[in-house]
Amino acid sequence: MTHTFFADRVAVLATMHQKEKVIAPILERNLGIKLQVPENFNTDQFGTFTRDRSRPDNQKITARLKAESALELTGETLAVASEGSFAPHPSFPMIPCNHELIILVDRVHQIEIFGQVISTETNYSHKTVRSLEEAQVFAQTIGFPEHGLVVMPDSSTKNPDEIVKGIVSESQLLTVVKEALRRSPTVHLETDMRALYNPTRMNAIAQATKNLVAAIQSTCPKCNYPGFELVKRIPGLPCGLCDSPTMLTHIAVYQCHHCSFRQEKLFPDGVEVADPAQCSHCNP
């Protein structure tokens, strides 16, 4: 039924960083929509990775604010927006990860649907350097010049006039770093995480978009609205050796945001017993 919701409709994409390059082909092919980018839409108002502009709220609310702002600007009824964050992996704190979240907001049917991905494929990094040579070595480690760099006096800088973004050439990097070192003994470098300067992040946005499509294509068994979403995982998958409950998922709970219908699914990961290695009784 999703084709009757979105087919042949215009959706505005709230971006100024060329995310349409990966989002548009996926959504247009799978949903039949036509994606458009509004002119003069400034997403920096919703926060910057360089921290000179704080995000107004958490990741999900910020993505929603972007979509709603694009709807207000254009007068359309369908919008898409994404928001990324970079932090230690929730299960493996020593590994950095990229959490990409994308939202579709439909004012005609009064629904919003999310897609997301947590990817450990990221070049998110930073370094304080004391020389041009150190800057060049750091640049090599993050995939420069295919991936852009940011240079600033120090990581706490809030003045946008002191932050040089979108550095994608050796000559520009050397010029900016040399000038910064003339003013200070150290300079802060970090990866430019804006999508148009970071192909690795752009790939994660594509993955999140595919997850959004899957969420849209999951329809409610009761009302047939798209976005029948996994809202809770209940642990307790029995150990294959001693039958004791483990922390692995036993039941997944899905819910429709339109009619609130809920449904439980046993063994959502396709296994009915847990490996004894995951059992606190067999492997304390």
Protein backbone atom coordinates (compact mmCIF):
# COMPACT_ATOMS: atom_id res chain seq x y z
CA MET A 1 0.00 0.00 0.00
CA THR A 2 3.00 2.31 0.35
CA HIS A 3 2.86 3.27 -3.33
CA THR A 4 -0.49 4.98 -2.78
CA PHE A 5 1.09 7.06 -0.01
CA PHE A 6 4.15 8.35 -1.81
CA ALA A 7 4.04 7.58 -5.55
CA ASP A 8 4.31 10.61 -7.85
CA ARG A 9 4.64 13.03 -4.94
CA VAL A 10 7.35 15.65 -4.48
CA ALA A 11 9.50 15.30 -1.38
CA VAL A 12 11.84 18.05 -0.25
CA LEU A 13 15.24 17.00 1.06
CA ALA A 14 16.54 19.24 3.83
CA THR A 15 20.22 19.45 2.91
CA MET A 16 22.90 21.85 1.73
CA HIS A 17 25.63 19.21 1.58
CA GLN A 18 24.70 17.23 -1.55
CA LYS A 19 23.09 14.30 0.28
CA GLU A 20 20.71 14.01 -2.66
CA LYS A 21 23.49 12.21 -4.52
CA VAL A 22 22.88 9.05 -2.49
CA ILE A 23 19.40 9.59 -1.02
CA ALA A 24 17.50 10.54 -4.19
CA PRO A 25 18.26 7.43 -6.30
CA ILE A 26 17.24 5.08 -3.47
CA LEU A 27 13.99 6.82 -2.56
CA GLU A 28 12.93 7.62 -6.10
CA ARG A 29 13.53 4.04 -7.26
CA ASN A 30 11.78 2.37 -4.31
CA LEU A 31 9.00 4.83 -3.44
CA GLY A 32 8.24 6.53 -6.75
CA ILE A 33 8.71 10.01 -5.31
CA LYS A 34 10.51 12.97 -6.86
CA LEU A 35 13.11 14.41 -4.52
CA GLN A 36 13.91 18.13 -4.64
CA VAL A 37 16.41 20.22 -2.69
CA PRO A 38 15.05 23.62 -1.62
CA GLU A 39 17.10 26.66 -2.59
CA ASN A 40 18.91 28.64 0.09
CA PHE A 41 18.21 26.09 2.81
CA ASN A 42 20.85 26.51 5.53
CA THR A 43 21.23 23.35 7.62
CA ASP A 44 24.01 24.94 9.70
CA GLN A 45 21.22 26.54 11.73
CA PHE A 46 20.64 23.06 13.20
CA GLY A 47 24.23 22.65 14.40
CA THR A 48 27.69 22.09 12.95
CA PHE A 49 30.22 19.30 13.42
CA THR A 50 32.82 21.97 14.20
CA ARG A 51 30.78 22.96 17.26
CA ASP A 52 30.61 26.68 16.47
CA ARG A 53 26.84 26.16 16.27
CA SER A 54 25.22 23.80 18.80
CA ARG A 55 22.57 21.29 17.80
CA PRO A 56 19.16 22.44 19.12
CA ASP A 57 18.21 19.04 20.55
CA ASN A 58 18.99 15.34 20.26
CA GLN A 59 19.63 13.64 16.92
CA LYS A 60 16.06 12.49 16.28
CA ILE A 61 14.43 15.81 17.17
CA THR A 62 17.00 17.74 15.13
CA ALA A 63 16.28 15.61 12.05
CA ARG A 64 12.57 16.26 12.56
CA LEU A 65 13.19 20.01 12.89
CA LYS A 66 15.12 20.00 9.60
CA ALA A 67 12.27 18.24 7.79
CA GLU A 68 9.60 20.51 9.27
CA SER A 69 11.63 23.61 8.39
CA ALA A 70 11.92 22.45 4.77
CA LEU A 71 8.15 21.90 4.66
CA GLU A 72 7.50 25.39 5.99
CA LEU A 73 9.91 26.90 3.47
CA THR A 74 8.49 25.12 0.43
CA GLY A 75 4.84 24.53 1.27
CA GLU A 76 5.17 20.85 0.31
CA THR A 77 3.67 18.01 2.34
CA LEU A 78 6.47 15.42 2.19
CA ALA A 79 10.01 15.94 3.49
CA VAL A 80 13.17 13.96 4.14
CA ALA A 81 16.06 14.94 6.41
CA SER A 82 19.06 13.22 7.92
CA GLU A 83 21.28 13.85 10.91
CA GLY A 84 24.60 12.22 11.73
CA SER A 85 26.56 11.85 14.94
CA PHE A 86 29.98 10.47 15.83
CA ALA A 87 30.81 8.85 19.14
CA PRO A 88 32.22 5.66 20.69
CA HIS A 89 30.34 2.53 19.59
CA PRO A 90 27.59 1.67 22.15
CA SER A 91 28.85 -1.92 22.47
CA PHE A 92 32.57 -1.36 21.81
CA PRO A 93 33.57 1.97 23.42
CA MET A 94 37.11 1.88 22.02
CA ILE A 95 35.81 1.96 18.44
CA PRO A 96 34.44 5.20 16.93
CA CYS A 97 31.19 4.91 15.03
CA ASN A 98 28.92 6.93 12.80
CA HIS A 99 25.22 6.89 13.72
CA GLU A 100 23.20 8.09 10.74
CA LEU A 101 19.50 8.74 11.13
CA ILE A 102 17.07 9.71 8.37
CA ILE A 103 13.42 10.72 8.68
CA LEU A 104 10.49 10.93 6.28
CA VAL A 105 7.71 13.29 7.38
CA ASP A 106 4.32 13.06 5.63
CA ARG A 107 1.82 15.76 6.56
CA VAL A 108 -0.93 14.28 4.37
CA HIS A 109 -1.06 11.03 6.35
CA GLN A 110 0.33 12.51 9.60
CA ILE A 111 3.17 10.00 9.90
CA GLU A 112 6.92 10.06 10.35
CA ILE A 113 9.19 7.12 9.68
CA PHE A 114 12.85 6.72 10.62
CA GLY A 115 15.73 4.76 9.16
CA GLN A 116 19.14 4.46 10.71
CA VAL A 117 22.50 2.72 10.72
CA ILE A 118 25.41 2.49 13.14
CA SER A 119 28.60 2.09 11.14
CA THR A 120 32.14 1.53 12.33
CA GLU A 121 33.34 2.54 8.86
CA THR A 122 34.32 6.12 9.62
CA ASN A 123 37.42 8.31 9.38
CA TYR A 124 36.21 10.55 12.22
CA SER A 125 39.44 11.79 13.82
CA HIS A 126 41.34 14.83 15.07
CA LYS A 127 44.86 15.84 16.03
CA THR A 128 46.78 18.78 17.42
CA VAL A 129 49.93 19.38 15.38
CA ARG A 130 53.07 21.48 15.77
CA SER A 131 54.40 21.38 12.22
CA LEU A 132 53.48 21.13 8.56
CA GLU A 133 54.94 17.62 8.52
CA GLU A 134 52.66 16.46 11.34
CA ALA A 135 49.68 17.94 9.50
CA GLN A 136 50.60 16.06 6.32
CA VAL A 137 50.98 12.76 8.18
CA PHE A 138 47.55 13.20 9.81
CA ALA A 139 46.03 14.06 6.44
CA GLN A 140 47.32 10.81 4.97
CA THR A 141 45.75 8.77 7.78
CA ILE A 142 42.20 10.09 7.13
CA GLY A 143 42.10 9.64 3.36
CA PHE A 144 42.94 13.18 2.30
CA PRO A 145 42.30 14.75 -0.20
CA GLU A 146 39.26 12.58 -1.09
CA HIS A 147 38.12 13.32 2.45
CA GLY A 148 38.23 16.96 3.51
CA LEU A 149 39.91 18.54 6.52
CA VAL A 150 39.13 21.33 8.95
CA VAL A 151 41.78 23.56 10.54
CA MET A 152 41.23 25.74 13.62
CA PRO A 153 43.41 27.26 16.37
CA ASP A 154 42.19 24.73 18.97
CA SER A 155 39.29 22.32 19.50
CA SER A 156 37.38 24.74 21.74
CA THR A 157 37.20 27.49 19.13
CA LYS A 158 33.66 28.85 18.69
CA ASN A 159 34.47 31.71 16.32
CA PRO A 160 33.51 30.62 12.77
CA ASP A 161 35.96 33.17 11.34
CA GLU A 162 38.82 31.13 12.84
CA ILE A 163 37.64 27.81 11.38
CA VAL A 164 38.67 26.83 7.85
CA LYS A 165 36.51 24.01 6.47
CA GLY A 166 36.42 22.03 3.25
CA ILE A 167 40.18 21.76 2.73
CA VAL A 168 40.64 19.29 -0.14
CA SER A 169 44.03 20.12 -1.70
CA GLU A 170 47.61 19.81 -0.54
CA SER A 171 48.42 23.42 -1.39
CA GLN A 172 45.43 24.75 0.55
CA LEU A 173 46.26 22.58 3.56
CA LEU A 174 49.85 23.78 3.67
CA THR A 175 48.85 27.42 3.26
CA VAL A 176 46.23 27.31 6.03
CA VAL A 177 48.35 25.33 8.48
CA LYS A 178 51.42 27.49 7.86
CA GLU A 179 49.42 30.65 8.56
CA ALA A 180 47.85 29.14 11.68
CA LEU A 181 51.24 28.04 13.03
CA ARG A 182 52.54 31.54 12.51
CA ARG A 183 49.97 32.69 15.07
CA SER A 184 50.17 29.79 17.51
CA PRO A 185 52.63 26.98 18.36
CA THR A 186 49.91 24.36 17.84
CA VAL A 187 46.98 23.92 15.44
CA HIS A 188 43.94 21.65 15.67
CA LEU A 189 43.05 19.51 12.65
CA GLU A 190 39.96 17.34 12.28
CA THR A 191 38.12 15.48 9.58
CA ASP A 192 35.41 17.42 7.77
CA MET A 193 32.35 15.29 8.50
CA ARG A 194 29.96 17.14 6.20
CA ALA A 195 28.61 14.68 3.65
CA LEU A 196 29.95 16.40 0.53
CA TYR A 197 33.50 16.31 1.94
CA ASN A 198 33.32 12.81 3.37
CA PRO A 199 32.61 9.87 1.01
CA THR A 200 32.77 7.40 3.88
CA ARG A 201 29.97 9.19 5.71
CA MET A 202 28.02 9.50 2.45
CA ASN A 203 28.07 5.70 2.23
CA ALA A 204 26.59 5.46 5.73
CA ILE A 205 23.82 7.88 4.73
CA ALA A 206 23.01 5.58 1.81
CA GLN A 207 22.80 2.61 4.21
CA ALA A 208 20.45 4.53 6.51
CA THR A 209 18.29 5.44 3.50
CA LYS A 210 17.97 1.76 2.57
CA ASN A 211 16.94 1.07 6.18
CA LEU A 212 14.29 3.81 5.84
CA VAL A 213 12.91 2.11 2.72
CA ALA A 214 12.73 -1.19 4.60
CA ALA A 215 10.87 0.52 7.45
CA ILE A 216 8.41 2.10 5.00
CA GLN A 217 7.81 -1.22 3.29
CA SER A 218 7.01 -2.82 6.66
CA THR A 219 3.26 -2.21 6.84
CA CYS A 220 0.92 -2.54 9.79
CA PRO A 221 -1.12 -5.80 9.70
CA LYS A 222 -4.15 -3.92 11.02
CA CYS A 223 -4.31 -0.57 9.17
CA ASN A 224 -1.77 -1.12 6.34
CA TYR A 225 0.08 2.11 7.11
CA PRO A 226 3.84 2.03 6.43
CA GLY A 227 6.37 2.12 9.23
CA PHE A 228 5.40 -0.88 11.37
CA GLU A 229 8.44 -0.38 13.58
CA LEU A 230 10.54 -2.43 15.97
CA VAL A 231 10.12 -0.58 19.27
CA LYS A 232 11.45 -3.01 21.86
CA ARG A 233 13.69 -6.07 22.18
CA ILE A 234 12.94 -8.43 25.07
CA PRO A 235 15.89 -10.59 26.19
CA GLY A 236 15.61 -14.17 27.40
CA LEU A 237 16.61 -16.37 24.45
CA PRO A 238 17.18 -19.77 26.13
CA CYS A 239 20.63 -21.30 26.28
CA GLY A 240 21.03 -24.25 23.93
CA LEU A 241 22.77 -26.27 26.66
CA CYS A 242 21.03 -25.52 29.97
CA ASP A 243 17.88 -23.71 28.80
CA SER A 244 18.57 -20.75 31.10
CA PRO A 245 17.48 -17.34 29.76
CA THR A 246 20.25 -15.21 28.27
CA MET A 247 20.53 -11.52 27.44
CA LEU A 248 20.03 -12.24 23.73
CA THR A 249 16.72 -11.20 22.17
CA HIS A 250 13.84 -13.65 22.64
CA ILE A 251 10.94 -11.44 21.55
CA ALA A 252 10.77 -8.37 19.32
CA VAL A 253 7.87 -5.95 19.73
CA TYR A 254 6.60 -4.02 16.71
CA GLN A 255 4.21 -1.08 16.84
CA CYS A 256 2.27 1.03 14.36
CA HIS A 257 2.57 4.75 15.00
CA HIS A 258 -0.72 5.37 13.20
CA CYS A 259 -3.14 3.03 14.98
CA SER A 260 -0.86 1.88 17.87
CA PHE A 261 -1.35 -1.81 17.02
CA ARG A 262 1.38 -3.92 18.65
CA GLN A 263 2.66 -7.35 17.71
CA GLU A 264 5.24 -9.64 19.28
CA LYS A 265 7.56 -11.83 17.20
CA LEU A 266 9.39 -14.79 18.70
CA PHE A 267 13.01 -15.44 17.71
CA PRO A 268 13.34 -12.30 15.52
CA ASP A 269 17.01 -13.01 14.78
CA GLY A 270 16.22 -16.41 13.28
CA VAL A 271 17.69 -18.53 16.09
CA GLU A 272 15.69 -20.37 18.77
CA VAL A 273 18.50 -21.11 21.22
CA ALA A 274 21.57 -19.16 22.32
CA ASP A 275 25.17 -20.29 22.05
CA PRO A 276 26.26 -21.47 25.56
CA ALA A 277 29.14 -18.99 25.28
CA GLN A 278 26.50 -16.25 25.68
CA CYS A 279 25.00 -17.86 28.80
CA SER A 280 25.98 -16.46 32.20
CA HIS A 281 25.27 -19.87 33.79
CA CYS A 282 27.33 -21.99 31.38
CA ASN A 283 29.98 -19.33 30.84
CA PRO A 284 30.05 -17.22 34.02
